[in-house]
All heavy atoms as atom14 arrays in JSON, in Angstrom:
{
  "sequence": "SAATLLPDGRIVVGGSNPHIRYNFTGVQYPTELSLEAFRPPYLAPEH",
  "atom14_mask": [
    [1, 1, 1, 1, 1, 1, 0, 0, 0, 0, 0, 0, 0, 0],
    [1, 1, 1, 1, 1, 0, 0, 0, 0, 0, 0, 0, 0, 0],
    [1, 1, 1, 1, 1, 0, 0, 0, 0, 0, 0, 0, 0, 0],
    [1, 1, 1, 1, 1, 1, 1, 0, 0, 0, 0, 0, 0, 0],
    [1, 1, 1, 1, 1, 1, 1, 1, 0, 0, 0, 0, 0, 0],
    [1, 1, 1, 1, 1, 1, 1, 1, 0, 0, 0, 0, 0, 0],
    [1, 1, 1, 1, 1, 1, 1, 0, 0, 0, 0, 0, 0, 0],
    [1, 1, 1, 1, 1, 1, 1, 1, 0, 0, 0, 0, 0, 0],
    [1, 1, 1, 1, 0, 0, 0, 0, 0, 0, 0, 0, 0, 0],
    [1, 1, 1, 1, 1, 1, 1, 1, 1, 1, 1, 0, 0, 0],
    [1, 1, 1, 1, 1, 1, 1, 1, 0, 0, 0, 0, 0, 0],
    [1, 1, 1, 1, 1, 1, 1, 0, 0, 0, 0, 0, 0, 0],
    [1, 1, 1, 1, 1, 1, 1, 0, 0, 0, 0, 0, 0, 0],
    [1, 1, 1, 1, 0, 0, 0, 0, 0, 0, 0, 0, 0, 0],
    [1, 1, 1, 1, 0, 0, 0, 0, 0, 0, 0, 0, 0, 0],
    [1, 1, 1, 1, 1, 1, 0, 0, 0, 0, 0, 0, 0, 0],
    [1, 1, 1, 1, 1, 1, 1, 1, 0, 0, 0, 0, 0, 0],
    [1, 1, 1, 1, 1, 1, 1, 0, 0, 0, 0, 0, 0, 0],
    [1, 1, 1, 1, 1, 1, 1, 1, 1, 1, 0, 0, 0, 0],
    [1, 1, 1, 1, 1, 1, 1, 1, 0, 0, 0, 0, 0, 0],
    [1, 1, 1, 1, 1, 1, 1, 1, 1, 1, 1, 0, 0, 0],
    [1, 1, 1, 1, 1, 1, 1, 1, 1, 1, 1, 1, 0, 0],
    [1, 1, 1, 1, 1, 1, 1, 1, 0, 0, 0, 0, 0, 0],
    [1, 1, 1, 1, 1, 1, 1, 1, 1, 1, 1, 0, 0, 0],
    [1, 1, 1, 1, 1, 1, 1, 0, 0, 0, 0, 0, 0, 0],
    [1, 1, 1, 1, 0, 0, 0, 0, 0, 0, 0, 0, 0, 0],
    [1, 1, 1, 1, 1, 1, 1, 0, 0, 0, 0, 0, 0, 0],
    [1, 1, 1, 1, 1, 1, 1, 1, 1, 0, 0, 0, 0, 0],
    [1, 1, 1, 1, 1, 1, 1, 1, 1, 1, 1, 1, 0, 0],
    [1, 1, 1, 1, 1, 1, 1, 0, 0, 0, 0, 0, 0, 0],
    [1, 1, 1, 1, 1, 1, 1, 0, 0, 0, 0, 0, 0, 0],
    [1, 1, 1, 1, 1, 1, 1, 1, 1, 0, 0, 0, 0, 0],
    [1, 1, 1, 1, 1, 1, 1, 1, 0, 0, 0, 0, 0, 0],
    [1, 1, 1, 1, 1, 1, 0, 0, 0, 0, 0, 0, 0, 0],
    [1, 1, 1, 1, 1, 1, 1, 1, 0, 0, 0, 0, 0, 0],
    [1, 1, 1, 1, 1, 1, 1, 1, 1, 0, 0, 0, 0, 0],
    [1, 1, 1, 1, 1, 0, 0, 0, 0, 0, 0, 0, 0, 0],
    [1, 1, 1, 1, 1, 1, 1, 1, 1, 1, 1, 0, 0, 0],
    [1, 1, 1, 1, 1, 1, 1, 1, 1, 1, 1, 0, 0, 0],
    [1, 1, 1, 1, 1, 1, 1, 0, 0, 0, 0, 0, 0, 0],
    [1, 1, 1, 1, 1, 1, 1, 0, 0, 0, 0, 0, 0, 0],
    [1, 1, 1, 1, 1, 1, 1, 1, 1, 1, 1, 1, 0, 0],
    [1, 1, 1, 1, 1, 1, 1, 1, 0, 0, 0, 0, 0, 0],
    [1, 1, 1, 1, 1, 0, 0, 0, 0, 0, 0, 0, 0, 0],
    [1, 1, 1, 1, 1, 1, 1, 0, 0, 0, 0, 0, 0, 0],
    [1, 1, 1, 1, 1, 1, 1, 1, 1, 0, 0, 0, 0, 0],
    [1, 1, 1, 1, 1, 1, 1, 1, 1, 1, 0, 0, 0, 0]
  ],
  "atom14_positions": [
    [[60.75, 121.05, 146.42], [59.51, 121.55, 147.0], [59.86, 122.51, 148.14], [61.01, 122.59, 148.56], [58.64, 120.4, 147.51], [59.33, 119.63, 148.47], [0.0, 0.0, 0.0], [0.0, 0.0, 0.0], [0.0, 0.0, 0.0], [0.0, 0.0, 0.0], [0.0, 0.0, 0.0], [0.0, 0.0, 0.0], [0.0, 0.0, 0.0], [0.0, 0.0, 0.0]],
    [[58.87, 123.24, 148.63], [59.12, 124.22, 149.68], [57.86, 124.44, 150.49], [56.75, 124.13, 150.04], [59.62, 125.55, 149.08], [0.0, 0.0, 0.0], [0.0, 0.0, 0.0], [0.0, 0.0, 0.0], [0.0, 0.0, 0.0], [0.0, 0.0, 0.0], [0.0, 0.0, 0.0], [0.0, 0.0, 0.0], [0.0, 0.0, 0.0], [0.0, 0.0, 0.0]],
    [[58.02, 125.0, 151.69], [56.89, 125.28, 152.58], [57.27, 126.45, 153.48], [58.44, 126.65, 153.8], [56.54, 124.06, 153.42], [0.0, 0.0, 0.0], [0.0, 0.0, 0.0], [0.0, 0.0, 0.0], [0.0, 0.0, 0.0], [0.0, 0.0, 0.0], [0.0, 0.0, 0.0], [0.0, 0.0, 0.0], [0.0, 0.0, 0.0], [0.0, 0.0, 0.0]],
    [[56.26, 127.23, 153.89], [56.53, 128.32, 154.82], [55.29, 128.62, 155.65], [54.15, 128.36, 155.22], [57.01, 129.58, 154.07], [57.62, 130.48, 154.97], [55.86, 130.29, 153.36], [0.0, 0.0, 0.0], [0.0, 0.0, 0.0], [0.0, 0.0, 0.0], [0.0, 0.0, 0.0], [0.0, 0.0, 0.0], [0.0, 0.0, 0.0], [0.0, 0.0, 0.0]],
    [[55.51, 129.17, 156.83], [54.42, 129.55, 157.74], [53.79, 130.85, 157.28], [54.49, 131.8, 156.91], [54.99, 129.72, 159.15], [54.01, 130.23, 160.23], [52.97, 129.18, 160.57], [54.79, 130.65, 161.48], [0.0, 0.0, 0.0], [0.0, 0.0, 0.0], [0.0, 0.0, 0.0], [0.0, 0.0, 0.0], [0.0, 0.0, 0.0], [0.0, 0.0, 0.0]],
    [[52.45, 130.91, 157.32], [51.71, 132.12, 156.98], [51.26, 132.85, 158.25], [51.18, 132.24, 159.33], [50.51, 131.77, 156.12], [50.81, 131.18, 154.74], [49.5, 130.85, 154.02], [51.66, 132.13, 153.91], [0.0, 0.0, 0.0], [0.0, 0.0, 0.0], [0.0, 0.0, 0.0], [0.0, 0.0, 0.0], [0.0, 0.0, 0.0], [0.0, 0.0, 0.0]],
    [[50.92, 134.14, 158.15], [50.52, 134.9, 159.34], [49.27, 134.39, 160.04], [49.06, 134.7, 161.21], [50.28, 136.32, 158.78], [51.13, 136.38, 157.56], [51.07, 135.0, 156.97], [0.0, 0.0, 0.0], [0.0, 0.0, 0.0], [0.0, 0.0, 0.0], [0.0, 0.0, 0.0], [0.0, 0.0, 0.0], [0.0, 0.0, 0.0], [0.0, 0.0, 0.0]],
    [[48.44, 133.61, 159.36], [47.23, 133.09, 160.0], [47.44, 131.71, 160.61], [46.5, 131.09, 161.08], [46.06, 133.05, 159.01], [46.35, 132.22, 157.76], [47.36, 131.48, 157.76], [45.56, 132.3, 156.8], [0.0, 0.0, 0.0], [0.0, 0.0, 0.0], [0.0, 0.0, 0.0], [0.0, 0.0, 0.0], [0.0, 0.0, 0.0], [0.0, 0.0, 0.0]],
    [[48.69, 131.21, 160.6], [48.99, 129.92, 161.21], [48.94, 128.75, 160.28], [49.3, 127.63, 160.67], [0.0, 0.0, 0.0], [0.0, 0.0, 0.0], [0.0, 0.0, 0.0], [0.0, 0.0, 0.0], [0.0, 0.0, 0.0], [0.0, 0.0, 0.0], [0.0, 0.0, 0.0], [0.0, 0.0, 0.0], [0.0, 0.0, 0.0], [0.0, 0.0, 0.0]],
    [[48.53, 128.95, 159.02], [48.58, 127.87, 158.04], [50.01, 127.69, 157.52], [50.85, 128.57, 157.68], [47.66, 128.17, 156.86], [46.17, 128.19, 157.17], [45.37, 128.56, 155.93], [45.72, 129.89, 155.44], [45.51, 130.32, 154.19], [44.95, 129.51, 153.3], [45.84, 131.54, 153.83], [0.0, 0.0, 0.0], [0.0, 0.0, 0.0], [0.0, 0.0, 0.0]],
    [[50.24, 126.56, 156.86], [51.49, 126.3, 156.17], [51.18, 126.27, 154.68], [50.33, 125.49, 154.24], [52.12, 124.96, 156.59], [52.23, 124.86, 158.11], [53.47, 124.78, 155.92], [53.14, 125.86, 158.75], [0.0, 0.0, 0.0], [0.0, 0.0, 0.0], [0.0, 0.0, 0.0], [0.0, 0.0, 0.0], [0.0, 0.0, 0.0], [0.0, 0.0, 0.0]],
    [[51.85, 127.1, 153.89], [51.68, 127.03, 152.44], [52.77, 126.11, 151.89], [53.93, 126.18, 152.29], [51.72, 128.42, 151.78], [53.07, 129.1, 151.94], [51.36, 128.32, 150.3], [0.0, 0.0, 0.0], [0.0, 0.0, 0.0], [0.0, 0.0, 0.0], [0.0, 0.0, 0.0], [0.0, 0.0, 0.0], [0.0, 0.0, 0.0], [0.0, 0.0, 0.0]],
    [[52.37, 125.19, 151.0], [53.26, 124.15, 150.49], [53.15, 124.13, 148.96], [52.05, 124.18, 148.41], [52.86, 122.77, 151.06], [53.84, 121.7, 150.57], [52.83, 122.8, 152.58], [0.0, 0.0, 0.0], [0.0, 0.0, 0.0], [0.0, 0.0, 0.0], [0.0, 0.0, 0.0], [0.0, 0.0, 0.0], [0.0, 0.0, 0.0], [0.0, 0.0, 0.0]],
    [[54.3, 124.05, 148.3], [54.28, 124.0, 146.84], [55.52, 123.33, 146.29], [56.43, 122.94, 147.02], [0.0, 0.0, 0.0], [0.0, 0.0, 0.0], [0.0, 0.0, 0.0], [0.0, 0.0, 0.0], [0.0, 0.0, 0.0], [0.0, 0.0, 0.0], [0.0, 0.0, 0.0], [0.0, 0.0, 0.0], [0.0, 0.0, 0.0], [0.0, 0.0, 0.0]],
    [[55.55, 123.19, 144.98], [56.71, 122.67, 144.3], [56.78, 121.16, 144.25], [55.85, 120.45, 144.63], [0.0, 0.0, 0.0], [0.0, 0.0, 0.0], [0.0, 0.0, 0.0], [0.0, 0.0, 0.0], [0.0, 0.0, 0.0], [0.0, 0.0, 0.0], [0.0, 0.0, 0.0], [0.0, 0.0, 0.0], [0.0, 0.0, 0.0], [0.0, 0.0, 0.0]],
    [[57.89, 120.66, 143.76], [58.29, 119.27, 143.56], [58.56, 119.07, 142.08], [57.64, 119.03, 141.25], [57.24, 118.26, 144.03], [57.79, 116.94, 143.95], [0.0, 0.0, 0.0], [0.0, 0.0, 0.0], [0.0, 0.0, 0.0], [0.0, 0.0, 0.0], [0.0, 0.0, 0.0], [0.0, 0.0, 0.0], [0.0, 0.0, 0.0], [0.0, 0.0, 0.0]],
    [[59.84, 118.99, 141.76], [60.24, 118.73, 140.37], [61.55, 117.96, 140.38], [62.63, 118.55, 140.4], [60.41, 120.03, 139.58], [60.72, 119.75, 138.12], [60.42, 118.67, 137.61], [61.33, 120.7, 137.44], [0.0, 0.0, 0.0], [0.0, 0.0, 0.0], [0.0, 0.0, 0.0], [0.0, 0.0, 0.0], [0.0, 0.0, 0.0], [0.0, 0.0, 0.0]],
    [[61.48, 116.63, 140.36], [62.7, 115.83, 140.36], [63.3, 115.62, 138.98], [64.09, 114.7, 138.79], [62.22, 114.5, 140.96], [60.79, 114.4, 140.56], [60.27, 115.8, 140.5], [0.0, 0.0, 0.0], [0.0, 0.0, 0.0], [0.0, 0.0, 0.0], [0.0, 0.0, 0.0], [0.0, 0.0, 0.0], [0.0, 0.0, 0.0], [0.0, 0.0, 0.0]],
    [[62.91, 116.49, 138.02], [63.37, 116.34, 136.63], [64.14, 117.58, 136.2], [63.92, 118.68, 136.72], [62.18, 116.11, 135.69], [61.18, 115.16, 136.24], [61.44, 113.82, 136.41], [59.91, 115.36, 136.69], [60.38, 113.23, 136.95], [59.44, 114.14, 137.11], [0.0, 0.0, 0.0], [0.0, 0.0, 0.0], [0.0, 0.0, 0.0], [0.0, 0.0, 0.0]],
    [[65.02, 117.41, 135.22], [65.83, 118.53, 134.74], [64.95, 119.6, 134.12], [65.19, 120.8, 134.26], [66.88, 118.03, 133.73], [67.9, 117.13, 134.45], [67.6, 119.19, 133.06], [68.94, 116.53, 133.54], [0.0, 0.0, 0.0], [0.0, 0.0, 0.0], [0.0, 0.0, 0.0], [0.0, 0.0, 0.0], [0.0, 0.0, 0.0], [0.0, 0.0, 0.0]],
    [[63.89, 119.19, 133.45], [62.93, 120.13, 132.89], [61.54, 119.83, 133.46], [61.36, 118.85, 134.17], [62.9, 120.03, 131.36], [64.24, 120.38, 130.71], [64.16, 120.3, 129.19], [65.44, 120.58, 128.59], [65.91, 121.78, 128.28], [65.14, 122.84, 128.53], [67.08, 121.95, 127.72], [0.0, 0.0, 0.0], [0.0, 0.0, 0.0], [0.0, 0.0, 0.0]],
    [[60.58, 120.69, 133.15], [59.21, 120.38, 133.53], [58.79, 119.11, 132.79], [58.93, 119.02, 131.57], [58.27, 121.52, 133.16], [58.29, 122.7, 134.12], [57.47, 123.8, 133.9], [59.09, 122.7, 135.25], [57.45, 124.88, 134.78], [59.09, 123.76, 136.12], [58.27, 124.86, 135.88], [58.26, 125.92, 136.76], [0.0, 0.0, 0.0], [0.0, 0.0, 0.0]],
    [[58.24, 118.16, 133.53], [57.84, 116.89, 132.94], [56.55, 116.43, 133.61], [56.53, 116.14, 134.81], [58.96, 115.85, 133.15], [58.81, 114.67, 132.22], [57.73, 114.4, 131.7], [59.89, 113.93, 132.01], [0.0, 0.0, 0.0], [0.0, 0.0, 0.0], [0.0, 0.0, 0.0], [0.0, 0.0, 0.0], [0.0, 0.0, 0.0], [0.0, 0.0, 0.0]],
    [[55.46, 116.39, 132.85], [54.14, 116.11, 133.41], [53.58, 114.73, 133.01], [52.58, 114.31, 133.58], [53.14, 117.18, 132.95], [53.57, 118.58, 133.3], [54.12, 119.41, 132.33], [53.44, 119.06, 134.58], [54.52, 120.69, 132.64], [53.83, 120.35, 134.91], [54.38, 121.17, 133.94], [0.0, 0.0, 0.0], [0.0, 0.0, 0.0], [0.0, 0.0, 0.0]],
    [[54.22, 114.06, 132.09], [53.68, 112.79, 131.61], [54.78, 111.74, 131.52], [55.95, 112.06, 131.32], [53.02, 112.95, 130.22], [53.99, 113.42, 129.29], [51.85, 113.93, 130.28], [0.0, 0.0, 0.0], [0.0, 0.0, 0.0], [0.0, 0.0, 0.0], [0.0, 0.0, 0.0], [0.0, 0.0, 0.0], [0.0, 0.0, 0.0], [0.0, 0.0, 0.0]],
    [[54.38, 110.48, 131.66], [55.29, 109.38, 131.45], [56.35, 109.23, 132.52], [57.35, 108.53, 132.31], [0.0, 0.0, 0.0], [0.0, 0.0, 0.0], [0.0, 0.0, 0.0], [0.0, 0.0, 0.0], [0.0, 0.0, 0.0], [0.0, 0.0, 0.0], [0.0, 0.0, 0.0], [0.0, 0.0, 0.0], [0.0, 0.0, 0.0], [0.0, 0.0, 0.0]],
    [[56.15, 109.86, 133.67], [57.11, 109.75, 134.78], [56.34, 109.41, 136.05], [55.14, 109.67, 136.19], [57.9, 111.06, 134.98], [58.87, 111.29, 133.83], [56.97, 112.25, 135.15], [0.0, 0.0, 0.0], [0.0, 0.0, 0.0], [0.0, 0.0, 0.0], [0.0, 0.0, 0.0], [0.0, 0.0, 0.0], [0.0, 0.0, 0.0], [0.0, 0.0, 0.0]],
    [[57.05, 108.82, 137.0], [56.41, 108.4, 138.25], [55.97, 109.58, 139.11], [54.92, 109.55, 139.74], [57.36, 107.5, 139.04], [56.72, 106.81, 140.22], [57.64, 105.79, 140.87], [58.83, 105.72, 140.53], [57.12, 105.0, 141.79], [0.0, 0.0, 0.0], [0.0, 0.0, 0.0], [0.0, 0.0, 0.0], [0.0, 0.0, 0.0], [0.0, 0.0, 0.0]],
    [[56.8, 110.64, 139.11], [56.51, 111.8, 139.93], [56.56, 113.05, 139.06], [57.6, 113.68, 138.89], [57.51, 111.91, 141.09], [57.59, 110.65, 141.91], [58.72, 109.85, 141.88], [56.5, 110.24, 142.69], [58.78, 108.68, 142.62], [56.56, 109.07, 143.43], [57.7, 108.29, 143.39], [57.76, 107.13, 144.12], [0.0, 0.0, 0.0], [0.0, 0.0, 0.0]],
    [[55.41, 113.43, 138.45], [55.39, 114.58, 137.55], [55.76, 115.88, 138.26], [55.62, 116.02, 139.47], [53.93, 114.62, 137.07], [53.39, 113.26, 137.35], [54.11, 112.77, 138.56], [0.0, 0.0, 0.0], [0.0, 0.0, 0.0], [0.0, 0.0, 0.0], [0.0, 0.0, 0.0], [0.0, 0.0, 0.0], [0.0, 0.0, 0.0], [0.0, 0.0, 0.0]],
    [[56.23, 116.83, 137.46], [56.47, 118.17, 137.97], [55.17, 118.73, 138.55], [54.1, 118.58, 137.96], [56.97, 119.08, 136.85], [58.18, 118.55, 136.33], [57.2, 120.5, 137.34], [0.0, 0.0, 0.0], [0.0, 0.0, 0.0], [0.0, 0.0, 0.0], [0.0, 0.0, 0.0], [0.0, 0.0, 0.0], [0.0, 0.0, 0.0], [0.0, 0.0, 0.0]],
    [[55.27, 119.36, 139.71], [54.08, 119.81, 140.43], [54.04, 121.34, 140.46], [54.97, 121.98, 140.97], [54.1, 119.26, 141.86], [52.83, 119.47, 142.63], [51.62, 118.9, 141.91], [51.58, 117.68, 141.68], [50.71, 119.7, 141.58], [0.0, 0.0, 0.0], [0.0, 0.0, 0.0], [0.0, 0.0, 0.0], [0.0, 0.0, 0.0], [0.0, 0.0, 0.0]],
    [[52.96, 121.9, 139.92], [52.78, 123.35, 139.86], [51.74, 123.86, 140.84], [51.48, 125.07, 140.89], [52.39, 123.78, 138.44], [53.32, 123.35, 137.3], [52.8, 123.91, 135.98], [54.75, 123.8, 137.55], [0.0, 0.0, 0.0], [0.0, 0.0, 0.0], [0.0, 0.0, 0.0], [0.0, 0.0, 0.0], [0.0, 0.0, 0.0], [0.0, 0.0, 0.0]],
    [[51.16, 122.98, 141.62], [50.07, 123.38, 142.51], [50.58, 124.04, 143.77], [51.76, 123.96, 144.13], [49.21, 122.17, 142.87], [49.96, 121.26, 143.67], [0.0, 0.0, 0.0], [0.0, 0.0, 0.0], [0.0, 0.0, 0.0], [0.0, 0.0, 0.0], [0.0, 0.0, 0.0], [0.0, 0.0, 0.0], [0.0, 0.0, 0.0], [0.0, 0.0, 0.0]],
    [[49.66, 124.68, 144.48], [49.93, 125.31, 145.77], [48.85, 124.87, 146.74], [47.65, 124.97, 146.44], [49.93, 126.84, 145.61], [50.71, 127.66, 146.64], [52.2, 127.36, 146.56], [50.46, 129.15, 146.4], [0.0, 0.0, 0.0], [0.0, 0.0, 0.0], [0.0, 0.0, 0.0], [0.0, 0.0, 0.0], [0.0, 0.0, 0.0], [0.0, 0.0, 0.0]],
    [[49.28, 124.35, 147.9], [48.36, 123.89, 148.93], [48.57, 124.68, 150.21], [49.61, 125.31, 150.42], [48.61, 122.42, 149.26], [48.31, 121.4, 148.21], [48.66, 120.02, 148.71], [49.87, 119.69, 148.77], [47.73, 119.26, 149.05], [0.0, 0.0, 0.0], [0.0, 0.0, 0.0], [0.0, 0.0, 0.0], [0.0, 0.0, 0.0], [0.0, 0.0, 0.0]],
    [[47.58, 124.58, 151.09], [47.74, 125.06, 152.46], [47.4, 123.93, 153.41], [46.4, 123.22, 153.21], [46.84, 126.26, 152.73], [0.0, 0.0, 0.0], [0.0, 0.0, 0.0], [0.0, 0.0, 0.0], [0.0, 0.0, 0.0], [0.0, 0.0, 0.0], [0.0, 0.0, 0.0], [0.0, 0.0, 0.0], [0.0, 0.0, 0.0], [0.0, 0.0, 0.0]],
    [[48.23, 123.74, 154.43], [47.92, 122.78, 155.48], [47.5, 123.54, 156.72], [48.19, 124.45, 157.18], [49.13, 121.9, 155.8], [48.85, 120.87, 156.87], [47.98, 119.82, 156.62], [49.43, 120.98, 158.13], [47.69, 118.88, 157.6], [49.15, 120.05, 159.12], [48.29, 118.99, 158.85], [0.0, 0.0, 0.0], [0.0, 0.0, 0.0], [0.0, 0.0, 0.0]],
    [[46.33, 123.16, 157.23], [45.82, 123.76, 158.47], [46.14, 122.81, 159.62], [45.55, 121.72, 159.72], [44.3, 123.96, 158.36], [43.88, 124.98, 157.32], [42.37, 124.99, 157.11], [41.65, 125.27, 158.33], [41.32, 126.49, 158.76], [41.67, 127.54, 158.03], [40.66, 126.65, 159.87], [0.0, 0.0, 0.0], [0.0, 0.0, 0.0], [0.0, 0.0, 0.0]],
    [[47.08, 123.17, 160.49], [47.41, 122.31, 161.62], [46.2, 122.11, 162.54], [45.21, 122.86, 162.46], [48.53, 123.08, 162.34], [49.12, 123.96, 161.29], [47.96, 124.34, 160.42], [0.0, 0.0, 0.0], [0.0, 0.0, 0.0], [0.0, 0.0, 0.0], [0.0, 0.0, 0.0], [0.0, 0.0, 0.0], [0.0, 0.0, 0.0], [0.0, 0.0, 0.0]],
    [[46.25, 121.12, 163.42], [45.11, 120.84, 164.29], [44.62, 122.04, 165.1], [43.43, 122.12, 165.41], [45.64, 119.73, 165.21], [46.66, 119.02, 164.38], [47.31, 120.08, 163.56], [0.0, 0.0, 0.0], [0.0, 0.0, 0.0], [0.0, 0.0, 0.0], [0.0, 0.0, 0.0], [0.0, 0.0, 0.0], [0.0, 0.0, 0.0], [0.0, 0.0, 0.0]],
    [[45.49, 122.99, 165.43], [45.03, 124.13, 166.23], [44.07, 125.04, 165.48], [43.42, 125.9, 166.07], [46.21, 124.94, 166.8], [47.24, 125.44, 165.81], [46.92, 126.32, 164.77], [48.59, 125.08, 165.95], [47.87, 126.79, 163.89], [49.56, 125.56, 165.07], [49.2, 126.42, 164.05], [50.16, 126.9, 163.19], [0.0, 0.0, 0.0], [0.0, 0.0, 0.0]],
    [[43.95, 124.87, 164.16], [43.0, 125.67, 163.38], [41.66, 124.97, 163.2], [40.81, 125.44, 162.45], [43.59, 126.01, 162.01], [44.74, 127.02, 162.02], [45.28, 127.23, 160.62], [44.29, 128.35, 162.61], [0.0, 0.0, 0.0], [0.0, 0.0, 0.0], [0.0, 0.0, 0.0], [0.0, 0.0, 0.0], [0.0, 0.0, 0.0], [0.0, 0.0, 0.0]],
    [[41.43, 123.87, 163.89], [40.14, 123.17, 163.8], [39.02, 124.06, 164.33], [39.21, 124.83, 165.27], [40.21, 121.87, 164.61], [0.0, 0.0, 0.0], [0.0, 0.0, 0.0], [0.0, 0.0, 0.0], [0.0, 0.0, 0.0], [0.0, 0.0, 0.0], [0.0, 0.0, 0.0], [0.0, 0.0, 0.0], [0.0, 0.0, 0.0], [0.0, 0.0, 0.0]],
    [[37.84, 123.97, 163.74], [36.72, 124.85, 164.14], [36.36, 124.75, 165.62], [35.93, 125.74, 166.21], [35.57, 124.37, 163.25], [36.22, 123.78, 162.06], [37.48, 123.14, 162.57], [0.0, 0.0, 0.0], [0.0, 0.0, 0.0], [0.0, 0.0, 0.0], [0.0, 0.0, 0.0], [0.0, 0.0, 0.0], [0.0, 0.0, 0.0], [0.0, 0.0, 0.0]],
    [[36.52, 123.56, 166.21], [36.13, 123.43, 167.62], [37.01, 124.21, 168.58], [36.7, 124.32, 169.75], [36.08, 121.95, 168.04], [37.41, 121.23, 167.94], [37.53, 120.42, 166.68], [37.03, 120.88, 165.63], [38.11, 119.32, 166.73], [0.0, 0.0, 0.0], [0.0, 0.0, 0.0], [0.0, 0.0, 0.0], [0.0, 0.0, 0.0], [0.0, 0.0, 0.0]],
    [[38.13, 124.77, 168.07], [38.99, 125.59, 168.92], [38.75, 127.08, 168.7], [39.47, 127.9, 169.28], [40.46, 125.28, 168.62], [40.81, 123.83, 168.71], [40.27, 123.0, 169.66], [41.66, 123.06, 167.97], [40.76, 121.78, 169.49], [41.59, 121.79, 168.47], [0.0, 0.0, 0.0], [0.0, 0.0, 0.0], [0.0, 0.0, 0.0], [0.0, 0.0, 0.0]]
  ]
}
């Protein structure tokens, strides 16, 4: 998996594949193709 800081202060997070190939079924931790953003507390609307 990987993560990096974006210019607006968010963190973009993606990846996770503990398998030799892409594996989406029948495993405890499937291969992950999604992309998320984490907004740290300083990006809360009240600030």
